[in-house]
PDB file of N, CA and C in Angstrom:
ATOM      1  N   MET A   1      -7.344 -40.476  15.783  1.00  0.00           N
ATOM      2  CA  MET A   1      -7.902 -39.169  16.110  1.00  0.00           C
ATOM      3  C   MET A   1      -6.822 -38.097  16.004  1.00  0.00           C
ATOM      4  N   ASN A   2      -7.207 -36.963  15.467  1.00  0.00           N
ATOM      5  CA  ASN A   2      -6.321 -35.806  15.363  1.00  0.00           C
ATOM      6  C   ASN A   2      -6.696 -34.783  16.416  1.00  0.00           C
ATOM      7  N   ASN A   3      -5.768 -33.843  16.611  1.00  0.00           N
ATOM      8  CA  ASN A   3      -6.031 -32.740  17.533  1.00  0.00           C
ATOM      9  C   ASN A   3      -6.044 -31.430  16.763  1.00  0.00           C
ATOM     10  N   CYS A   4      -6.795 -30.469  17.284  1.00  0.00           N
ATOM     11  CA  CYS A   4      -6.883 -29.134  16.697  1.00  0.00           C
ATOM     12  C   CYS A   4      -5.481 -28.526  16.627  1.00  0.00           C
ATOM     13  N   MET A   5      -5.128 -27.960  15.484  1.00  0.00           N
ATOM     14  CA  MET A   5      -3.803 -27.385  15.292  1.00  0.00           C
ATOM     15  C   MET A   5      -3.562 -26.145  16.149  1.00  0.00           C
ATOM     16  N   LEU A   6      -4.636 -25.543  16.691  1.00  0.00           N
ATOM     17  CA  LEU A   6      -4.449 -24.353  17.517  1.00  0.00           C
ATOM     18  C   LEU A   6      -4.548 -24.688  19.003  1.00  0.00           C
ATOM     19  N   CYS A   7      -5.654 -25.260  19.400  1.00  0.00           N
ATOM     20  CA  CYS A   7      -5.879 -25.450  20.843  1.00  0.00           C
ATOM     21  C   CYS A   7      -5.578 -26.862  21.338  1.00  0.00           C
ATOM     22  N   GLY A   8      -5.424 -27.814  20.428  1.00  0.00           N
ATOM     23  CA  GLY A   8      -5.076 -29.171  20.823  1.00  0.00           C
ATOM     24  C   GLY A   8      -6.260 -30.053  21.181  1.00  0.00           C
ATOM     25  N   GLN A   9      -7.458 -29.512  21.115  1.00  0.00           N
ATOM     26  CA  GLN A   9      -8.659 -30.289  21.452  1.00  0.00           C
ATOM     27  C   GLN A   9      -8.819 -31.446  20.465  1.00  0.00           C
ATOM     28  N   THR A  10      -9.306 -32.603  20.968  1.00  0.00           N
ATOM     29  CA  THR A  10      -9.540 -33.770  20.129  1.00  0.00           C
ATOM     30  C   THR A  10     -10.611 -33.453  19.093  1.00  0.00           C
ATOM     31  N   LEU A  11     -10.331 -33.864  17.847  1.00  0.00           N
ATOM     32  CA  LEU A  11     -11.251 -33.577  16.745  1.00  0.00           C
ATOM     33  C   LEU A  11     -12.146 -34.768  16.463  1.00  0.00           C
ATOM     34  N   PHE A  12     -13.381 -34.471  16.121  1.00  0.00           N
ATOM     35  CA  PHE A  12     -14.344 -35.490  15.737  1.00  0.00           C
ATOM     36  C   PHE A  12     -14.861 -35.152  14.353  1.00  0.00           C
ATOM     37  N   GLY A  13     -15.194 -36.177  13.583  1.00  0.00           N
ATOM     38  CA  GLY A  13     -15.728 -35.932  12.245  1.00  0.00           C
ATOM     39  C   GLY A  13     -14.769 -36.435  11.187  1.00  0.00           C
ATOM     40  N   ARG A  14     -14.610 -35.644  10.156  1.00  0.00           N
ATOM     41  CA  ARG A  14     -13.770 -36.036   9.023  1.00  0.00           C
ATOM     42  C   ARG A  14     -12.334 -36.316   9.450  1.00  0.00           C
ATOM     43  N   ARG A  15     -11.703 -37.255   8.736  1.00  0.00           N
ATOM     44  CA  ARG A  15     -10.320 -37.625   9.044  1.00  0.00           C
ATOM     45  C   ARG A  15      -9.326 -36.501   8.788  1.00  0.00           C
ATOM     46  N   ASP A  16      -9.609 -35.668   7.784  1.00  0.00           N
ATOM     47  CA  ASP A  16      -8.678 -34.603   7.415  1.00  0.00           C
ATOM     48  C   ASP A  16      -8.955 -33.272   8.124  1.00  0.00           C
ATOM     49  N   LYS A  17      -9.843 -33.306   9.103  1.00  0.00           N
ATOM     50  CA  LYS A  17     -10.180 -32.097   9.850  1.00  0.00           C
ATOM     51  C   LYS A  17      -8.955 -31.631  10.635  1.00  0.00           C
ATOM     52  N   LYS A  18      -8.688 -30.303  10.623  1.00  0.00           N
ATOM     53  CA  LYS A  18      -7.503 -29.764  11.280  1.00  0.00           C
ATOM     54  C   LYS A  18      -7.834 -28.875  12.477  1.00  0.00           C
ATOM     55  N   PHE A  19      -9.052 -28.346  12.527  1.00  0.00           N
ATOM     56  CA  PHE A  19      -9.434 -27.407  13.582  1.00  0.00           C
ATOM     57  C   PHE A  19     -10.777 -27.810  14.169  1.00  0.00           C
ATOM     58  N   CYS A  20     -10.968 -27.455  15.437  1.00  0.00           N
ATOM     59  CA  CYS A  20     -12.210 -27.839  16.102  1.00  0.00           C
ATOM     60  C   CYS A  20     -13.364 -26.896  15.765  1.00  0.00           C
ATOM     61  N   ASN A  21     -13.046 -25.642  15.371  1.00  0.00           N
ATOM     62  CA  ASN A  21     -14.102 -24.685  15.022  1.00  0.00           C
ATOM     63  C   ASN A  21     -13.516 -23.557  14.165  1.00  0.00           C
ATOM     64  N   ASP A  22     -14.396 -22.679  13.703  1.00  0.00           N
ATOM     65  CA  ASP A  22     -13.971 -21.566  12.845  1.00  0.00           C
ATOM     66  C   ASP A  22     -13.046 -20.598  13.572  1.00  0.00           C
ATOM     67  N   PHE A  23     -13.266 -20.379  14.849  1.00  0.00           N
ATOM     68  CA  PHE A  23     -12.416 -19.463  15.617  1.00  0.00           C
ATOM     69  C   PHE A  23     -10.964 -19.948  15.584  1.00  0.00           C
ATOM     70  N   CYS A  24     -10.755 -21.240  15.878  1.00  0.00           N
ATOM     71  CA  CYS A  24      -9.389 -21.781  15.874  1.00  0.00           C
ATOM     72  C   CYS A  24      -8.779 -21.727  14.475  1.00  0.00           C
ATOM     73  N   ARG A  25      -9.561 -22.032  13.445  1.00  0.00           N
ATOM     74  CA  ARG A  25      -9.062 -21.994  12.068  1.00  0.00           C
ATOM     75  C   ARG A  25      -8.669 -20.570  11.677  1.00  0.00           C
ATOM     76  N   ASN A  26      -9.533 -19.602  11.964  1.00  0.00           N
ATOM     77  CA  ASN A  26      -9.237 -18.208  11.615  1.00  0.00           C
ATOM     78  C   ASN A  26      -8.052 -17.668  12.401  1.00  0.00           C
ATOM     79  N   THR A  27      -7.999 -17.954  13.679  1.00  0.00           N
ATOM     80  CA  THR A  27      -6.896 -17.477  14.522  1.00  0.00           C
ATOM     81  C   THR A  27      -5.571 -18.039  14.038  1.00  0.00           C
ATOM     82  N   TYR A  28      -5.544 -19.322  13.737  1.00  0.00           N
ATOM     83  CA  TYR A  28      -4.328 -19.975  13.245  1.00  0.00           C
ATOM     84  C   TYR A  28      -3.858 -19.346  11.935  1.00  0.00           C
ATOM     85  N   ASN A  29      -4.777 -19.194  10.982  1.00  0.00           N
ATOM     86  CA  ASN A  29      -4.417 -18.635   9.674  1.00  0.00           C
ATOM     87  C   ASN A  29      -4.054 -17.153   9.762  1.00  0.00           C
ATOM     88  N   ASN A  30      -4.740 -16.408  10.611  1.00  0.00           N
ATOM     89  CA  ASN A  30      -4.393 -14.996  10.792  1.00  0.00           C
ATOM     90  C   ASN A  30      -2.989 -14.854  11.360  1.00  0.00           C
ATOM     91  N   HIS A  31      -2.628 -15.742  12.260  1.00  0.00           N
ATOM     92  CA  HIS A  31      -1.286 -15.699  12.843  1.00  0.00           C
ATOM     93  C   HIS A  31      -0.227 -16.006  11.778  1.00  0.00           C
ATOM     94  N   LEU A  32      -0.510 -16.982  10.913  1.00  0.00           N
ATOM     95  CA  LEU A  32       0.424 -17.332   9.841  1.00  0.00           C
ATOM     96  C   LEU A  32       0.629 -16.171   8.869  1.00  0.00           C
ATOM     97  N   ASN A  33      -0.431 -15.433   8.584  1.00  0.00           N
ATOM     98  CA  ASN A  33      -0.381 -14.367   7.583  1.00  0.00           C
ATOM     99  C   ASN A  33      -0.077 -12.997   8.166  1.00  0.00           C
ATOM    100  N   LYS A  34       0.149 -12.910   9.468  1.00  0.00           N
ATOM    101  CA  LYS A  34       0.306 -11.620  10.131  1.00  0.00           C
ATOM    102  C   LYS A  34       1.439 -10.790   9.534  1.00  0.00           C
ATOM    103  N   GLU A  35       2.598 -11.381   9.299  1.00  0.00           N
ATOM    104  CA  GLU A  35       3.732 -10.624   8.772  1.00  0.00           C
ATOM    105  C   GLU A  35       3.434 -10.090   7.379  1.00  0.00           C
ATOM    106  N   ASN A  36       2.882 -10.914   6.505  1.00  0.00           N
ATOM    107  CA  ASN A  36       2.557 -10.475   5.144  1.00  0.00           C
ATOM    108  C   ASN A  36       1.510  -9.372   5.161  1.00  0.00           C
ATOM    109  N   VAL A  37       0.503  -9.541   5.989  1.00  0.00           N
ATOM    110  CA  VAL A  37      -0.564  -8.544   6.073  1.00  0.00           C
ATOM    111  C   VAL A  37      -0.015  -7.236   6.623  1.00  0.00           C
ATOM    112  N   GLU A  38       0.893  -7.289   7.571  1.00  0.00           N
ATOM    113  CA  GLU A  38       1.476  -6.086   8.163  1.00  0.00           C
ATOM    114  C   GLU A  38       2.270  -5.295   7.127  1.00  0.00           C
ATOM    115  N   VAL A  39       3.054  -5.966   6.314  1.00  0.00           N
ATOM    116  CA  VAL A  39       3.836  -5.296   5.273  1.00  0.00           C
ATOM    117  C   VAL A  39       2.900  -4.611   4.280  1.00  0.00           C
ATOM    118  N   ILE A  40       1.851  -5.293   3.890  1.00  0.00           N
ATOM    119  CA  ILE A  40       0.881  -4.737   2.949  1.00  0.00           C
ATOM    120  C   ILE A  40       0.172  -3.542   3.564  1.00  0.00           C
ATOM    121  N   ARG A  41      -0.201  -3.638   4.824  1.00  0.00           N
ATOM    122  CA  ARG A  41      -0.897  -2.544   5.507  1.00  0.00           C
ATOM    123  C   ARG A  41      -0.012  -1.301   5.561  1.00  0.00           C
ATOM    124  N   ILE A  42       1.249  -1.470   5.921  1.00  0.00           N
ATOM    125  CA  ILE A  42       2.181  -0.345   6.011  1.00  0.00           C
ATOM    126  C   ILE A  42       2.375   0.299   4.636  1.00  0.00           C
ATOM    127  N   THR A  43       2.559  -0.526   3.607  1.00  0.00           N
ATOM    128  CA  THR A  43       2.740  -0.016   2.248  1.00  0.00           C
ATOM    129  C   THR A  43       1.503   0.743   1.782  1.00  0.00           C
ATOM    130  N   ASN A  44       0.334   0.177   2.002  1.00  0.00           N
ATOM    131  CA  ASN A  44      -0.910   0.843   1.599  1.00  0.00           C
ATOM    132  C   ASN A  44      -1.087   2.173   2.324  1.00  0.00           C
ATOM    133  N   ASN A  45      -0.732   2.231   3.598  1.00  0.00           N
ATOM    134  CA  ASN A  45      -0.849   3.487   4.352  1.00  0.00           C
ATOM    135  C   ASN A  45       0.077   4.556   3.778  1.00  0.00           C
ATOM    136  N   LYS A  46       1.283   4.173   3.369  1.00  0.00           N
ATOM    137  CA  LYS A  46       2.208   5.134   2.768  1.00  0.00           C
ATOM    138  C   LYS A  46       1.691   5.614   1.412  1.00  0.00           C
ATOM    139  N   LEU A  47       1.134   4.702   0.618  1.00  0.00           N
ATOM    140  CA  LEU A  47       0.546   5.099  -0.664  1.00  0.00           C
ATOM    141  C   LEU A  47      -0.637   6.040  -0.454  1.00  0.00           C
ATOM    142  N   LYS A  48      -1.453   5.758   0.548  1.00  0.00           N
ATOM    143  CA  LYS A  48      -2.586   6.637   0.861  1.00  0.00           C
ATOM    144  C   LYS A  48      -2.101   8.023   1.263  1.00  0.00           C
ATOM    145  N   LYS A  49      -1.014   8.080   2.031  1.00  0.00           N
ATOM    146  CA  LYS A  49      -0.468   9.376   2.442  1.00  0.00           C
ATOM    147  C   LYS A  49       0.016  10.151   1.219  1.00  0.00           C
ATOM    148  N   ASN A  50       0.749   9.491   0.320  1.00  0.00           N
ATOM    149  CA  ASN A  50       1.205  10.138  -0.908  1.00  0.00           C
ATOM    150  C   ASN A  50       0.014  10.653  -1.724  1.00  0.00           C
ATOM    151  N   HIS A  51      -1.020   9.824  -1.838  1.00  0.00           N
ATOM    152  CA  HIS A  51      -2.214  10.200  -2.584  1.00  0.00           C
ATOM    153  C   HIS A  51      -2.884  11.417  -1.948  1.00  0.00           C
ATOM    154  N   LYS A  52      -2.991  11.421  -0.652  1.00  0.00           N
ATOM    155  CA  LYS A  52      -3.638  12.528   0.059  1.00  0.00           C
ATOM    156  C   LYS A  52      -2.869  13.834  -0.142  1.00  0.00           C
ATOM    157  N   ILE A  53      -1.544  13.763  -0.125  1.00  0.00           N
ATOM    158  CA  ILE A  53      -0.716  14.955  -0.344  1.00  0.00           C
ATOM    159  C   ILE A  53      -0.995  15.525  -1.736  1.00  0.00           C
ATOM    160  N   LEU A  54      -1.003  14.668  -2.747  1.00  0.00           N
ATOM    161  CA  LEU A  54      -1.253  15.128  -4.110  1.00  0.00           C
ATOM    162  C   LEU A  54      -2.670  15.665  -4.265  1.00  0.00           C
ATOM    163  N   LYS A  55      -3.625  14.987  -3.678  1.00  0.00           N
ATOM    164  CA  LYS A  55      -5.024  15.422  -3.750  1.00  0.00           C
ATOM    165  C   LYS A  55      -5.179  16.803  -3.129  1.00  0.00           C
ATOM    166  N   ASN A  56      -4.586  17.016  -1.960  1.00  0.00           N
ATOM    167  CA  ASN A  56      -4.684  18.317  -1.289  1.00  0.00           C
ATOM    168  C   ASN A  56      -4.062  19.427  -2.131  1.00  0.00           C
ATOM    169  N   LEU A  57      -2.931  19.154  -2.760  1.00  0.00           N
ATOM    170  CA  LEU A  57      -2.281  20.162  -3.598  1.00  0.00           C
ATOM    171  C   LEU A  57      -3.146  20.508  -4.816  1.00  0.00           C
ATOM    172  N   VAL A  58      -3.735  19.497  -5.431  1.00  0.00           N
ATOM    173  CA  VAL A  58      -4.610  19.742  -6.589  1.00  0.00           C
ATOM    174  C   VAL A  58      -5.828  20.552  -6.166  1.00  0.00           C
ATOM    175  N   GLU A  59      -6.415  20.205  -5.019  1.00  0.00           N
ATOM    176  CA  GLU A  59      -7.585  20.948  -4.529  1.00  0.00           C
ATOM    177  C   GLU A  59      -7.247  22.405  -4.231  1.00  0.00           C
ATOM    178  N   LEU A  60      -5.991  22.666  -3.849  1.00  0.00           N
ATOM    179  CA  LEU A  60      -5.537  24.044  -3.592  1.00  0.00           C
ATOM    180  C   LEU A  60      -5.025  24.719  -4.864  1.00  0.00           C
ATOM    181  N   SER A  61      -5.156  24.023  -5.999  1.00  0.00           N
ATOM    182  CA  SER A  61      -4.684  24.511  -7.308  1.00  0.00           C
ATOM    183  C   SER A  61      -3.184  24.764  -7.328  1.00  0.00           C
ATOM    184  N   LYS A  62      -2.445  24.056  -6.483  1.00  0.00           N
ATOM    185  CA  LYS A  62      -0.976  24.156  -6.472  1.00  0.00           C
ATOM    186  C   LYS A  62      -0.454  22.997  -7.305  1.00  0.00           C
ATOM    187  N   LEU A  63      -0.394  23.208  -8.615  1.00  0.00           N
ATOM    188  CA  LEU A  63      -0.068  22.133  -9.544  1.00  0.00           C
ATOM    189  C   LEU A  63       1.407  22.086  -9.921  1.00  0.00           C
ATOM    190  N   SER A  64       2.156  23.115  -9.550  1.00  0.00           N
ATOM    191  CA  SER A  64       3.587  23.145  -9.818  1.00  0.00           C
ATOM    192  C   SER A  64       4.317  23.269  -8.485  1.00  0.00           C
ATOM    193  N   VAL A  65       5.173  22.287  -8.196  1.00  0.00           N
ATOM    194  CA  VAL A  65       5.883  22.244  -6.915  1.00  0.00           C
ATOM    195  C   VAL A  65       7.324  21.811  -7.143  1.00  0.00           C
ATOM    196  N   THR A  66       8.103  21.915  -6.097  1.00  0.00           N
ATOM    197  CA  THR A  66       9.474  21.403  -6.149  1.00  0.00           C
ATOM    198  C   THR A  66       9.518  20.074  -5.400  1.00  0.00           C
ATOM    199  N   ARG A  67      10.561  19.339  -5.648  1.00  0.00           N
ATOM    200  CA  ARG A  67      10.753  18.072  -4.935  1.00  0.00           C
ATOM    201  C   ARG A  67      10.840  18.333  -3.429  1.00  0.00           C
ATOM    202  N   THR A  68      11.537  19.385  -3.053  1.00  0.00           N
ATOM    203  CA  THR A  68      11.701  19.722  -1.638  1.00  0.00           C
ATOM    204  C   THR A  68      10.349  19.995  -0.979  1.00  0.00           C
ATOM    205  N   GLU A  69       9.478  20.714  -1.685  1.00  0.00           N
ATOM    206  CA  GLU A  69       8.148  20.994  -1.131  1.00  0.00           C
ATOM    207  C   GLU A  69       7.392  19.691  -0.856  1.00  0.00           C
ATOM    208  N   LEU A  70       7.447  18.774  -1.811  1.00  0.00           N
ATOM    209  CA  LEU A  70       6.760  17.492  -1.615  1.00  0.00           C
ATOM    210  C   LEU A  70       7.381  16.705  -0.464  1.00  0.00           C
ATOM    211  N   GLU A  71       8.697  16.697  -0.387  1.00  0.00           N
ATOM    212  CA  GLU A  71       9.370  15.979   0.706  1.00  0.00           C
ATOM    213  C   GLU A  71       9.006  16.568   2.064  1.00  0.00           C
ATOM    214  N   LEU A  72       8.913  17.903   2.135  1.00  0.00           N
ATOM    215  CA  LEU A  72       8.541  18.551   3.395  1.00  0.00           C
ATOM    216  C   LEU A  72       7.111  18.197   3.823  1.00  0.00           C
ATOM    217  N   LEU A  73       6.264  17.922   2.838  1.00  0.00           N
ATOM    218  CA  LEU A  73       4.890  17.497   3.144  1.00  0.00           C
ATOM    219  C   LEU A  73       4.827  16.025   3.534  1.00  0.00           C
ATOM    220  N   GLY A  74       5.957  15.312   3.370  1.00  0.00           N
ATOM    221  CA  GLY A  74       6.008  13.899   3.742  1.00  0.00           C
ATOM    222  C   GLY A  74       5.854  12.941   2.587  1.00  0.00           C
ATOM    223  N   PHE A  75       5.919  13.435   1.366  1.00  0.00           N
ATOM    224  CA  PHE A  75       5.776  12.568   0.199  1.00  0.00           C
ATOM    225  C   PHE A  75       6.975  11.633   0.098  1.00  0.00           C
ATOM    226  N   ASP A  76       6.702  10.345  -0.106  1.00  0.00           N
ATOM    227  CA  ASP A  76       7.746   9.333  -0.244  1.00  0.00           C
ATOM    228  C   ASP A  76       7.913   9.009  -1.727  1.00  0.00           C
ATOM    229  N   PHE A  77       8.997   9.506  -2.341  1.00  0.00           N
ATOM    230  CA  PHE A  77       9.222   9.309  -3.773  1.00  0.00           C
ATOM    231  C   PHE A  77       9.529   7.860  -4.122  1.00  0.00           C
ATOM    232  N   ASN A  78       9.877   7.066  -3.156  1.00  0.00           N
ATOM    233  CA  ASN A  78      10.177   5.659  -3.413  1.00  0.00           C
ATOM    234  C   ASN A  78       8.927   4.794  -3.462  1.00  0.00           C
ATOM    235  N   LEU A  79       7.789   5.364  -3.104  1.00  0.00           N
ATOM    236  CA  LEU A  79       6.570   4.574  -3.034  1.00  0.00           C
ATOM    237  C   LEU A  79       5.487   5.180  -3.919  1.00  0.00           C
ATOM    238  N   VAL A  80       5.389   4.662  -5.125  1.00  0.00           N
ATOM    239  CA  VAL A  80       4.396   5.097  -6.099  1.00  0.00           C
ATOM    240  C   VAL A  80       3.772   3.853  -6.727  1.00  0.00           C
ATOM    241  N   THR A  81       2.665   4.039  -7.422  1.00  0.00           N
ATOM    242  CA  THR A  81       2.019   2.877  -8.034  1.00  0.00           C
ATOM    243  C   THR A  81       2.612   2.532  -9.394  1.00  0.00           C
ATOM    244  N   SER A  82       3.236   3.512 -10.058  1.00  0.00           N
ATOM    245  CA  SER A  82       3.995   3.214 -11.273  1.00  0.00           C
ATOM    246  C   SER A  82       4.997   4.330 -11.528  1.00  0.00           C
ATOM    247  N   PHE A  83       5.993   4.002 -12.353  1.00  0.00           N
ATOM    248  CA  PHE A  83       7.097   4.907 -12.640  1.00  0.00           C
ATOM    249  C   PHE A  83       7.437   4.765 -14.115  1.00  0.00           C
ATOM    250  N   ASP A  84       7.670   5.903 -14.773  1.00  0.00           N
ATOM    251  CA  ASP A  84       8.007   5.849 -16.195  1.00  0.00           C
ATOM    252  C   ASP A  84       9.008   6.952 -16.511  1.00  0.00           C
ATOM    253  N   LEU A  85       9.913   6.664 -17.419  1.00  0.00           N
ATOM    254  CA  LEU A  85      10.890   7.636 -17.892  1.00  0.00           C
ATOM    255  C   LEU A  85      10.745   7.724 -19.397  1.00  0.00           C
ATOM    256  N   SER A  86      10.404   8.924 -19.886  1.00  0.00           N
ATOM    257  CA  SER A  86      10.184   9.091 -21.307  1.00  0.00           C
ATOM    258  C   SER A  86      10.760  10.432 -21.755  1.00  0.00           C
ATOM    259  N   ASP A  87      11.690  10.386 -22.694  1.00  0.00           N
ATOM    260  CA  ASP A  87      12.316  11.596 -23.250  1.00  0.00           C
ATOM    261  C   ASP A  87      12.886  12.509 -22.168  1.00  0.00           C
ATOM    262  N   GLY A  88      13.517  11.930 -21.163  1.00  0.00           N
ATOM    263  CA  GLY A  88      14.138  12.716 -20.098  1.00  0.00           C
ATOM    264  C   GLY A  88      13.179  13.223 -19.049  1.00  0.00           C
ATOM    265  N   VAL A  89      11.917  12.864 -19.165  1.00  0.00           N
ATOM    266  CA  VAL A  89      10.909  13.290 -18.192  1.00  0.00           C
ATOM    267  C   VAL A  89      10.509  12.085 -17.352  1.00  0.00           C
ATOM    268  N   VAL A  90      10.519  12.268 -16.023  1.00  0.00           N
ATOM    269  CA  VAL A  90      10.145  11.199 -15.100  1.00  0.00           C
ATOM    270  C   VAL A  90       8.677  11.376 -14.727  1.00  0.00           C
ATOM    271  N   TYR A  91       7.932  10.285 -14.813  1.00  0.00           N
ATOM    272  CA  TYR A  91       6.524  10.289 -14.432  1.00  0.00           C
ATOM    273  C   TYR A  91       6.343   9.309 -13.279  1.00  0.00           C
ATOM    274  N   ARG A  92       5.820   9.816 -12.168  1.00  0.00           N
ATOM    275  CA  ARG A  92       5.480   8.967 -11.028  1.00  0.00           C
ATOM    276  C   ARG A  92       3.968   9.026 -10.848  1.00  0.00           C
ATOM    277  N   LYS A  93       3.369   7.864 -10.793  1.00  0.00           N
ATOM    278  CA  LYS A  93       1.917   7.796 -10.654  1.00  0.00           C
ATOM    279  C   LYS A  93       1.565   7.270  -9.271  1.00  0.00           C
ATOM    280  N   VAL A  94       0.588   7.913  -8.647  1.00  0.00           N
ATOM    281  CA  VAL A  94       0.014   7.435  -7.388  1.00  0.00           C
ATOM    282  C   VAL A  94      -1.497   7.371  -7.621  1.00  0.00           C
ATOM    283  N   TYR A  95      -1.955   6.190  -7.958  1.00  0.00           N
ATOM    284  CA  TYR A  95      -3.347   5.941  -8.308  1.00  0.00           C
ATOM    285  C   TYR A  95      -3.793   6.882  -9.426  1.00  0.00           C
ATOM    286  N   ASP A  96      -4.608   7.879  -9.122  1.00  0.00           N
ATOM    287  CA  ASP A  96      -5.159   8.739 -10.166  1.00  0.00           C
ATOM    288  C   ASP A  96      -4.442  10.089 -10.283  1.00  0.00           C
ATOM    289  N   TYR A  97      -3.233  10.185  -9.744  1.00  0.00           N
ATOM    290  CA  TYR A  97      -2.426  11.399  -9.866  1.00  0.00           C
ATOM    291  C   TYR A  97      -1.071  11.058 -10.483  1.00  0.00           C
ATOM    292  N   VAL A  98      -0.564  11.996 -11.291  1.00  0.00           N
ATOM    293  CA  VAL A  98       0.746  11.833 -11.911  1.00  0.00           C
ATOM    294  C   VAL A  98       1.594  13.038 -11.558  1.00  0.00           C
ATOM    295  N   ILE A  99       2.845  12.761 -11.188  1.00  0.00           N
ATOM    296  CA  ILE A  99       3.815  13.832 -10.979  1.00  0.00           C
ATOM    297  C   ILE A  99       4.781  13.761 -12.153  1.00  0.00           C
ATOM    298  N   GLN A 100       4.842  14.839 -12.892  1.00  0.00           N
ATOM    299  CA  GLN A 100       5.763  14.932 -14.023  1.00  0.00           C
ATOM    300  C   GLN A 100       6.985  15.708 -13.547  1.00  0.00           C
ATOM    301  N   GLN A 101       8.126  15.019 -13.489  1.00  0.00           N
ATOM    302  CA  GLN A 101       9.374  15.666 -13.071  1.00  0.00           C
ATOM    303  C   GLN A 101      10.174  15.994 -14.320  1.00  0.00           C
ATOM    304  N   ASN A 102      10.316  17.275 -14.589  1.00  0.00           N
ATOM    305  CA  ASN A 102      11.018  17.733 -15.788  1.00  0.00           C
ATOM    306  C   ASN A 102      12.523  17.735 -15.567  1.00  0.00           C
ATOM    307  N   ALA A 103      13.260  17.951 -16.664  1.00  0.00           N
ATOM    308  CA  ALA A 103      14.721  17.945 -16.614  1.00  0.00           C
ATOM    309  C   ALA A 103      15.267  18.982 -15.641  1.00  0.00           C
ATOM    310  N   ASP A 104      14.557  20.107 -15.456  1.00  0.00           N
ATOM    311  CA  ASP A 104      15.009  21.148 -14.527  1.00  0.00           C
ATOM    312  C   ASP A 104      14.546  20.879 -13.088  1.00  0.00           C
ATOM    313  N   ASN A 105      14.007  19.668 -12.841  1.00  0.00           N
ATOM    314  CA  ASN A 105      13.509  19.222 -11.531  1.00  0.00           C
ATOM    315  C   ASN A 105      12.240  19.916 -11.078  1.00  0.00           C
ATOM    316  N   SER A 106      11.618  20.700 -11.950  1.00  0.00           N
ATOM    317  CA  SER A 106      10.308  21.223 -11.604  1.00  0.00           C
ATOM    318  C   SER A 106       9.304  20.071 -11.689  1.00  0.00           C
ATOM    319  N   MET A 107       8.268  20.139 -10.894  1.00  0.00           N
ATOM    320  CA  MET A 107       7.294  19.046 -10.853  1.00  0.00           C
ATOM    321  C   MET A 107       5.906  19.595 -11.112  1.00  0.00           C
ATOM    322  N   ILE A 108       5.177  18.903 -11.967  1.00  0.00           N
ATOM    323  CA  ILE A 108       3.817  19.274 -12.280  1.00  0.00           C
ATOM    324  C   ILE A 108       2.904  18.113 -11.871  1.00  0.00           C
ATOM    325  N   ILE A 109       1.874  18.444 -11.121  1.00  0.00           N
ATOM    326  CA  ILE A 109       0.920  17.429 -10.653  1.00  0.00           C
ATOM    327  C   ILE A 109      -0.321  17.472 -11.542  1.00  0.00           C
ATOM    328  N   LYS A 110      -0.739  16.311 -11.987  1.00  0.00           N
ATOM    329  CA  LYS A 110      -1.932  16.197 -12.824  1.00  0.00           C
ATOM    330  C   LYS A 110      -2.816  15.104 -12.262  1.00  0.00           C
ATOM    331  N   GLN A 111      -4.113  15.342 -12.326  1.00  0.00           N
ATOM    332  CA  GLN A 111      -5.058  14.294 -11.943  1.00  0.00           C
ATOM    333  C   GLN A 111      -5.538  13.609 -13.212  1.00  0.00           C
ATOM    334  N   ILE A 112      -5.529  12.293 -13.190  1.00  0.00           N
ATOM    335  CA  ILE A 112      -6.005  11.506 -14.323  1.00  0.00           C
ATOM    336  C   ILE A 112      -7.492  11.292 -14.133  1.00  0.00           C
ATOM    337  N   THR A 113      -8.252  11.576 -15.170  1.00  0.00           N
ATOM    338  CA  THR A 113      -9.711  11.381 -15.061  1.00  0.00           C
ATOM    339  C   THR A 113     -10.183  10.293 -15.969  1.00  0.00           C
TER     340      THR A 113
END
């Protein structure tokens, strides 16, 4: 006889059974994945914040900004969904928005449709 991996209750049924019920199985697995899920949640929240900042600027028709302006709004330049460097121009993408950083550090925000 085996015991439940979470609560220790004696198990009945299949030989390879590890948990006495779905609650114990889910609780055990959620605990194992908590750190990974937390990192993903924090990262997704930061990406959402970056996206919201860009969306608000586009809605206000403020399509040309400085890096300082974005930083003051809380934009995290280290957290984007993709990054590209082409002909001296830096492109940072956050889902459906692109920030084009020109050689003079001016930034243009574009929405991808």
